[in-house]
Protein backbone atom coordinates (compact mmCIF):
# COMPACT_ATOMS: atom_id res chain seq x y z
CA MET A 1 145.07 49.69 106.50
CA GLU A 2 142.76 51.04 103.80
CA ARG A 3 142.28 54.28 105.77
CA ARG A 4 145.72 55.69 105.10
CA GLY A 5 146.89 57.01 101.77
CA GLY A 6 150.30 56.68 100.16
CA ASP A 7 152.36 53.93 101.79
CA ARG A 8 150.27 50.80 102.28
CA ARG A 9 153.02 48.86 104.02
CA PRO A 10 151.35 47.15 107.02
CA ASN A 11 152.36 48.09 110.56
CA LEU A 12 151.38 47.36 114.15
CA ALA A 13 148.85 50.19 114.21
CA ASP A 14 146.76 48.13 111.77
CA LEU A 15 146.10 45.67 114.62
CA ARG A 16 144.97 48.25 117.18
CA GLU A 17 141.27 47.43 116.88
CA SER A 18 141.79 43.66 116.67
CA GLY A 19 141.45 42.89 120.35
CA ALA A 20 144.68 42.25 122.20
CA ILE A 21 146.62 40.68 119.31
CA GLU A 22 149.20 43.46 119.14
CA GLN A 23 149.68 43.49 122.90
CA ASP A 24 149.71 39.73 123.56
CA ALA A 25 151.72 38.49 120.58
CA ASP A 26 155.39 37.63 120.97
CA LEU A 27 155.94 37.83 117.21
CA VAL A 28 154.03 39.81 114.58
CA MET A 29 154.90 39.45 110.90
CA PHE A 30 153.25 40.91 107.82
CA VAL A 31 153.54 40.00 104.14
CA TYR A 32 153.63 43.02 101.84
CA ARG A 33 153.49 42.70 98.05
CA PRO A 34 153.86 46.18 96.53
CA GLU A 35 152.97 44.83 93.08
CA MET A 36 149.41 44.30 94.36
CA TYR A 37 149.07 48.05 94.94
CA GLY A 38 150.37 49.07 91.50
CA ILE A 39 153.82 49.98 92.83
CA GLU A 40 156.33 49.14 90.11
CA THR A 41 159.64 49.64 91.94
CA ILE A 42 160.72 49.27 95.55
CA GLU A 43 163.94 49.85 97.42
CA VAL A 44 165.51 46.52 98.37
CA TYR A 45 168.57 46.70 100.61
CA GLY A 46 169.44 50.14 99.23
CA GLU A 47 168.83 49.33 95.54
CA LYS A 48 165.80 50.09 93.38
CA LYS A 49 164.26 46.83 92.13
CA SER A 50 161.17 45.84 90.19
CA SER A 51 158.35 44.87 92.53
CA GLU A 52 157.20 42.13 90.16
CA ASN A 53 157.10 38.78 92.00
CA LEU A 54 158.63 40.36 95.11
CA ALA A 55 157.38 40.09 98.68
CA GLU A 56 158.57 41.88 101.78
CA ILE A 57 158.24 39.95 105.03
CA ILE A 58 158.03 42.56 107.78
CA VAL A 59 158.82 41.51 111.36
CA SER A 60 157.09 44.34 113.23
CA LYS A 61 157.34 42.86 116.69
CA HIS A 62 159.67 40.26 118.13
CA ARG A 63 159.66 40.22 121.89
CA ASN A 64 162.92 38.25 122.11
CA GLY A 65 164.75 39.40 119.01
CA PRO A 66 165.27 41.97 116.28
CA THR A 67 162.68 43.48 113.96
CA GLY A 68 163.11 44.35 110.30
CA SER A 69 162.35 43.17 106.79
CA VAL A 70 163.40 40.33 104.51
CA PHE A 71 162.71 40.30 100.78
CA LEU A 72 161.69 37.09 99.02
CA SER A 73 160.64 36.07 95.54
CA PHE A 74 156.97 35.17 95.26
CA ILE A 75 156.13 32.34 92.86
CA LYS A 76 152.49 32.98 91.94
CA ASP A 77 151.79 29.64 90.25
CA CYS A 78 152.20 27.72 93.49
CA ALA A 79 151.88 30.53 96.09
CA ARG A 80 155.43 29.92 97.27
CA PHE A 81 158.11 32.19 98.69
CA ALA A 82 161.76 31.61 97.79
CA ASP A 83 165.16 33.17 98.34
CA PRO A 84 165.51 35.65 95.46
CA GLU A 85 169.20 34.79 95.01
CA LEU A 86 168.50 31.07 94.60
CA HIS A 87 165.18 31.26 92.76
CA ARG A 88 165.11 30.31 89.12
CA GLU A 89 162.06 29.30 87.10
CA ALA A 90 160.17 26.60 88.95
CA PRO A 91 160.79 23.18 87.35
CA PHE A 92 157.07 22.33 87.31
């Protein structure tokens, strides 16, 4: 993943030299946090949003279902992912 420039979003090619993981797996998911790469905004379902406390869960392979991305809030204090529509400040 560090070899490519620009977009650092993980993909199946990142697993190519990891044995047969890519080939044998029924489901491959990646967690991508653009904030960690200094990216300040990201397109979320067609809208530009701040990347702060945002995580993209990328389903790159699903042998028996669809692939795609889901965006979640990331709560750093407790390393938790939450639905961004339901997330408010954590009560603890």
